[in-house]
């Protein structure tokens, strides 16, 4: 999927990045599509692939509605903390309200990886610390980047471990 984002924010080198998106309030699939559009329209990322949207059970705090989840990969010029701030700005502008940890949310945008290097900071650890433990991230990511290796691990092989998880494609490509 070629991106309309011709002018990317930042002065850094083009860096591959992966994003995980989730929503379980309102028009869940629409929230994911809107977040992706805002990320591109604002020049935060140039998306090269977006997964299908998956209907997934809640994780962590389970007394809530089901989620819609998707992943996207692309390029950015923003360093990790600036990318995080830009993603948080999209969440806020869309109307995300503070909630309990792993609780209901209009939109959640997680940075899964930023280039090939690890990044550790109080606000952000990359690759995402729970990446290899979450079917709702690995399955959509493997759909669009089956050959991707992160920290020496195959995304496709990691996703295969979750074949029995209750994930179903809810909607074709976001």
C-alpha atoms as a PDB file:
ATOM      1  CA  UNK A   1       0.000   0.000   0.000  1.00  0.00           C
ATOM      2  CA  UNK A   2       1.837   3.136  -1.159  1.00  0.00           C
ATOM      3  CA  UNK A   3       1.643   5.985   1.271  1.00  0.00           C
ATOM      4  CA  UNK A   4       0.327   9.475   0.548  1.00  0.00           C
ATOM      5  CA  UNK A   5       2.809  10.749   3.155  1.00  0.00           C
ATOM      6  CA  UNK A   6       5.455  12.234   0.875  1.00  0.00           C
ATOM      7  CA  UNK A   7       7.008  14.558   3.438  1.00  0.00           C
ATOM      8  CA  UNK A   8       7.838  12.764   6.630  1.00  0.00           C
ATOM      9  CA  UNK A   9       8.456  14.602   9.890  1.00  0.00           C
ATOM     10  CA  UNK A  10      11.943  14.595  11.332  1.00  0.00           C
ATOM     11  CA  UNK A  11      15.423  14.887   9.942  1.00  0.00           C
ATOM     12  CA  UNK A  12      16.652  11.410  10.787  1.00  0.00           C
ATOM     13  CA  UNK A  13      17.337   8.587   8.361  1.00  0.00           C
ATOM     14  CA  UNK A  14      14.440   6.535   7.021  1.00  0.00           C
ATOM     15  CA  UNK A  15      13.962   3.777   9.567  1.00  0.00           C
ATOM     16  CA  UNK A  16      11.701   0.760   9.346  1.00  0.00           C
ATOM     17  CA  UNK A  17       9.082   0.623  12.050  1.00  0.00           C
ATOM     18  CA  UNK A  18       6.185  -1.546  13.081  1.00  0.00           C
ATOM     19  CA  UNK A  19       3.005  -0.478  14.833  1.00  0.00           C
ATOM     20  CA  UNK A  20       0.298  -2.396  16.650  1.00  0.00           C
ATOM     21  CA  UNK A  21      -3.150  -0.798  16.842  1.00  0.00           C
ATOM     22  CA  UNK A  22      -6.143  -1.734  18.947  1.00  0.00           C
ATOM     23  CA  UNK A  23      -9.614  -0.425  19.788  1.00  0.00           C
ATOM     24  CA  UNK A  24     -12.600  -1.695  21.742  1.00  0.00           C
ATOM     25  CA  UNK A  25     -14.817   1.392  22.008  1.00  0.00           C
ATOM     26  CA  UNK A  26     -17.218   2.638  19.332  1.00  0.00           C
ATOM     27  CA  UNK A  27     -16.471   1.869  15.681  1.00  0.00           C
ATOM     28  CA  UNK A  28     -13.460  -0.287  16.446  1.00  0.00           C
ATOM     29  CA  UNK A  29     -12.353  -0.960  12.863  1.00  0.00           C
ATOM     30  CA  UNK A  30     -13.074   2.648  11.908  1.00  0.00           C
ATOM     31  CA  UNK A  31     -10.918   3.870  14.789  1.00  0.00           C
ATOM     32  CA  UNK A  32      -7.976   1.810  13.502  1.00  0.00           C
ATOM     33  CA  UNK A  33      -8.436   3.072   9.941  1.00  0.00           C
ATOM     34  CA  UNK A  34      -8.655   6.678  11.174  1.00  0.00           C
ATOM     35  CA  UNK A  35      -5.504   6.318  13.295  1.00  0.00           C
ATOM     36  CA  UNK A  36      -3.586   4.893  10.320  1.00  0.00           C
ATOM     37  CA  UNK A  37      -4.773   7.768   8.123  1.00  0.00           C
ATOM     38  CA  UNK A  38      -3.722  10.343  10.736  1.00  0.00           C
ATOM     39  CA  UNK A  39      -0.297   8.731  11.144  1.00  0.00           C
ATOM     40  CA  UNK A  40       0.258   9.079   7.404  1.00  0.00           C
ATOM     41  CA  UNK A  41      -1.456  12.425   6.870  1.00  0.00           C
ATOM     42  CA  UNK A  42       0.668  13.997   9.599  1.00  0.00           C
ATOM     43  CA  UNK A  43       3.881  12.638   8.089  1.00  0.00           C
ATOM     44  CA  UNK A  44       4.631  10.431  11.085  1.00  0.00           C
ATOM     45  CA  UNK A  45       5.030   7.238   9.051  1.00  0.00           C
ATOM     46  CA  UNK A  46       4.966   6.150   5.428  1.00  0.00           C
ATOM     47  CA  UNK A  47       3.089   2.858   5.562  1.00  0.00           C
ATOM     48  CA  UNK A  48       4.107   0.020   3.268  1.00  0.00           C
ATOM     49  CA  UNK A  49       1.730  -2.689   4.561  1.00  0.00           C
ATOM     50  CA  UNK A  50      -1.305  -2.915   6.830  1.00  0.00           C
ATOM     51  CA  UNK A  51      -2.763  -6.164   8.117  1.00  0.00           C
ATOM     52  CA  UNK A  52      -6.347  -7.279   8.185  1.00  0.00           C
ATOM     53  CA  UNK A  53      -8.285  -6.264  11.266  1.00  0.00           C
ATOM     54  CA  UNK A  54      -8.700  -9.089  13.756  1.00  0.00           C
ATOM     55  CA  UNK A  55     -11.440  -9.584  16.341  1.00  0.00           C
ATOM     56  CA  UNK A  56      -9.650 -10.520  19.547  1.00  0.00           C
ATOM     57  CA  UNK A  57     -10.616 -11.210  23.152  1.00  0.00           C
ATOM     58  CA  UNK A  58      -9.501  -8.713  25.799  1.00  0.00           C
ATOM     59  CA  UNK A  59      -6.063  -9.282  27.289  1.00  0.00           C
ATOM     60  CA  UNK A  60      -4.992  -8.434  30.833  1.00  0.00           C
ATOM     61  CA  UNK A  61      -8.203  -6.858  32.111  1.00  0.00           C
ATOM     62  CA  UNK A  62     -10.792  -9.244  30.640  1.00  0.00           C
ATOM     63  CA  UNK A  63     -14.057  -7.666  31.883  1.00  0.00           C
ATOM     64  CA  UNK A  64     -14.546  -5.560  28.749  1.00  0.00           C
ATOM     65  CA  UNK A  65     -15.714  -5.741  25.139  1.00  0.00           C
ATOM     66  CA  UNK A  66     -13.707  -7.501  22.410  1.00  0.00           C
ATOM     67  CA  UNK A  67     -10.948  -5.659  20.574  1.00  0.00           C
ATOM     68  CA  UNK A  68     -10.182  -4.935  16.972  1.00  0.00           C
ATOM     69  CA  UNK A  69      -6.424  -5.262  16.375  1.00  0.00           C
ATOM     70  CA  UNK A  70      -4.186  -4.680  13.377  1.00  0.00           C
ATOM     71  CA  UNK A  71      -0.515  -4.118  12.605  1.00  0.00           C
ATOM     72  CA  UNK A  72       1.238  -1.866  10.128  1.00  0.00           C
ATOM     73  CA  UNK A  73       4.808  -1.559   8.922  1.00  0.00           C
ATOM     74  CA  UNK A  74       6.465   1.351   7.225  1.00  0.00           C
ATOM     75  CA  UNK A  75       9.171   3.961   7.531  1.00  0.00           C
ATOM     76  CA  UNK A  76       9.673   7.008   9.706  1.00  0.00           C
ATOM     77  CA  UNK A  77      12.296   9.704  10.144  1.00  0.00           C
ATOM     78  CA  UNK A  78      11.397  10.237  13.806  1.00  0.00           C
ATOM     79  CA  UNK A  79      13.607   8.799  16.559  1.00  0.00           C
ATOM     80  CA  UNK A  80      11.821   6.464  18.992  1.00  0.00           C
ATOM     81  CA  UNK A  81      10.709   8.955  21.653  1.00  0.00           C
ATOM     82  CA  UNK A  82       9.475  11.462  19.058  1.00  0.00           C
ATOM     83  CA  UNK A  83       7.597   8.659  17.290  1.00  0.00           C
ATOM     84  CA  UNK A  84       6.026   7.715  20.632  1.00  0.00           C
ATOM     85  CA  UNK A  85       4.994  11.333  21.278  1.00  0.00           C
ATOM     86  CA  UNK A  86       3.483  11.596  17.788  1.00  0.00           C
ATOM     87  CA  UNK A  87       1.541   8.334  18.274  1.00  0.00           C
ATOM     88  CA  UNK A  88       0.271   9.560  21.655  1.00  0.00           C
ATOM     89  CA  UNK A  89      -0.829  12.833  20.025  1.00  0.00           C
ATOM     90  CA  UNK A  90      -2.897  10.864  17.493  1.00  0.00           C
ATOM     91  CA  UNK A  91      -4.488   8.868  20.332  1.00  0.00           C
ATOM     92  CA  UNK A  92      -5.306  12.046  22.268  1.00  0.00           C
ATOM     93  CA  UNK A  93      -6.637  13.887  19.218  1.00  0.00           C
ATOM     94  CA  UNK A  94      -8.916  10.938  18.462  1.00  0.00           C
ATOM     95  CA  UNK A  95     -10.353  11.209  21.975  1.00  0.00           C
ATOM     96  CA  UNK A  96      -8.568   8.521  23.970  1.00  0.00           C
ATOM     97  CA  UNK A  97      -9.244   8.941  27.675  1.00  0.00           C
ATOM     98  CA  UNK A  98      -7.124   7.634  30.553  1.00  0.00           C
ATOM     99  CA  UNK A  99      -8.250   4.183  31.683  1.00  0.00           C
ATOM    100  CA  UNK A 100      -7.133   1.260  33.792  1.00  0.00           C
ATOM    101  CA  UNK A 101      -4.103  -0.651  32.538  1.00  0.00           C
ATOM    102  CA  UNK A 102      -5.126  -2.907  29.626  1.00  0.00           C
ATOM    103  CA  UNK A 103      -8.626  -1.445  29.942  1.00  0.00           C
ATOM    104  CA  UNK A 104     -11.094  -0.152  27.366  1.00  0.00           C
ATOM    105  CA  UNK A 105      -9.696   2.302  24.860  1.00  0.00           C
ATOM    106  CA  UNK A 106     -10.848   4.167  21.795  1.00  0.00           C
ATOM    107  CA  UNK A 107      -7.441   3.674  20.195  1.00  0.00           C
ATOM    108  CA  UNK A 108      -4.091   2.321  21.261  1.00  0.00           C
ATOM    109  CA  UNK A 109      -0.977   2.672  19.102  1.00  0.00           C
ATOM    110  CA  UNK A 110       2.060   0.665  20.176  1.00  0.00           C
ATOM    111  CA  UNK A 111       5.487   0.880  18.579  1.00  0.00           C
ATOM    112  CA  UNK A 112       6.600  -2.704  18.048  1.00  0.00           C
ATOM    113  CA  UNK A 113      10.062  -2.061  16.640  1.00  0.00           C
ATOM    114  CA  UNK A 114      12.137   0.829  15.320  1.00  0.00           C
ATOM    115  CA  UNK A 115      14.933  -0.279  13.027  1.00  0.00           C
ATOM    116  CA  UNK A 116      17.026  -3.243  14.069  1.00  0.00           C
ATOM    117  CA  UNK A 117      18.509  -1.790  17.231  1.00  0.00           C
ATOM    118  CA  UNK A 118      17.199  -2.170  20.750  1.00  0.00           C
ATOM    119  CA  UNK A 119      16.108   0.958  22.588  1.00  0.00           C
ATOM    120  CA  UNK A 120      15.654   1.223  26.338  1.00  0.00           C
ATOM    121  CA  UNK A 121      14.100   4.197  28.096  1.00  0.00           C
ATOM    122  CA  UNK A 122      11.720   4.693  31.022  1.00  0.00           C
ATOM    123  CA  UNK A 123       8.928   5.531  28.532  1.00  0.00           C
ATOM    124  CA  UNK A 124       9.659   3.009  25.786  1.00  0.00           C
ATOM    125  CA  UNK A 125      11.483  -0.258  25.242  1.00  0.00           C
ATOM    126  CA  UNK A 126      12.056  -1.580  21.735  1.00  0.00           C
ATOM    127  CA  UNK A 127      11.422  -4.072  20.423  1.00  0.00           C
ATOM    128  CA  UNK A 128       8.171  -4.003  22.398  1.00  0.00           C
ATOM    129  CA  UNK A 129       8.759  -6.039  25.549  1.00  0.00           C
ATOM    130  CA  UNK A 130       5.620  -8.185  25.109  1.00  0.00           C
ATOM    131  CA  UNK A 131       5.795  -8.564  21.326  1.00  0.00           C
ATOM    132  CA  UNK A 132       6.506 -12.297  21.379  1.00  0.00           C
ATOM    133  CA  UNK A 133       3.807 -13.031  23.967  1.00  0.00           C
ATOM    134  CA  UNK A 134       0.768 -11.550  22.240  1.00  0.00           C
ATOM    135  CA  UNK A 135      -1.111 -13.397  19.528  1.00  0.00           C
ATOM    136  CA  UNK A 136      -3.096 -10.241  18.687  1.00  0.00           C
ATOM    137  CA  UNK A 137       0.198  -8.648  17.589  1.00  0.00           C
ATOM    138  CA  UNK A 138       2.112 -11.589  16.140  1.00  0.00           C
ATOM    139  CA  UNK A 139      -0.662 -12.953  13.917  1.00  0.00           C
ATOM    140  CA  UNK A 140      -1.393  -9.654  12.110  1.00  0.00           C
ATOM    141  CA  UNK A 141       2.325  -8.822  11.915  1.00  0.00           C
ATOM    142  CA  UNK A 142       3.114 -12.226  10.402  1.00  0.00           C
ATOM    143  CA  UNK A 143       0.320 -11.661   7.866  1.00  0.00           C
ATOM    144  CA  UNK A 144       2.113  -8.618   6.400  1.00  0.00           C
ATOM    145  CA  UNK A 145       5.757  -9.398   7.233  1.00  0.00           C
ATOM    146  CA  UNK A 146       6.205 -13.190   7.445  1.00  0.00           C
ATOM    147  CA  UNK A 147       9.945 -12.968   6.760  1.00  0.00           C
ATOM    148  CA  UNK A 148      10.550 -10.337   9.426  1.00  0.00           C
ATOM    149  CA  UNK A 149      13.181 -11.165  12.031  1.00  0.00           C
ATOM    150  CA  UNK A 150      13.260  -9.196  15.280  1.00  0.00           C
ATOM    151  CA  UNK A 151      16.028  -9.757  17.800  1.00  0.00           C
ATOM    152  CA  UNK A 152      17.031 -12.859  15.842  1.00  0.00           C
ATOM    153  CA  UNK A 153      13.547 -14.372  16.095  1.00  0.00           C
ATOM    154  CA  UNK A 154      11.190 -15.171  13.241  1.00  0.00           C
ATOM    155  CA  UNK A 155       7.829 -13.409  13.460  1.00  0.00           C
ATOM    156  CA  UNK A 156       6.181 -16.182  11.403  1.00  0.00           C
ATOM    157  CA  UNK A 157       7.464 -18.919  13.723  1.00  0.00           C
ATOM    158  CA  UNK A 158       6.468 -16.953  16.801  1.00  0.00           C
ATOM    159  CA  UNK A 159       2.973 -16.388  15.383  1.00  0.00           C
ATOM    160  CA  UNK A 160       2.582 -20.101  14.591  1.00  0.00           C
ATOM    161  CA  UNK A 161       2.790 -20.835  18.336  1.00  0.00           C
ATOM    162  CA  UNK A 162      -0.575 -19.097  18.702  1.00  0.00           C
ATOM    163  CA  UNK A 163      -2.468 -21.017  16.001  1.00  0.00           C
ATOM    164  CA  UNK A 164      -5.063 -22.180  18.535  1.00  0.00           C
ATOM    165  CA  UNK A 165      -5.776 -18.680  19.907  1.00  0.00           C
ATOM    166  CA  UNK A 166      -9.292 -17.275  19.370  1.00  0.00           C
ATOM    167  CA  UNK A 167      -8.334 -14.697  16.724  1.00  0.00           C
ATOM    168  CA  UNK A 168     -10.428 -14.258  13.635  1.00  0.00           C
ATOM    169  CA  UNK A 169     -10.179 -11.885  10.718  1.00  0.00           C
ATOM    170  CA  UNK A 170     -12.928  -9.406  11.267  1.00  0.00           C
ATOM    171  CA  UNK A 171     -12.316  -7.246   8.271  1.00  0.00           C
ATOM    172  CA  UNK A 172     -10.045  -7.371   5.253  1.00  0.00           C
ATOM    173  CA  UNK A 173      -7.019  -5.064   5.114  1.00  0.00           C
ATOM    174  CA  UNK A 174      -7.448  -1.894   7.119  1.00  0.00           C
END
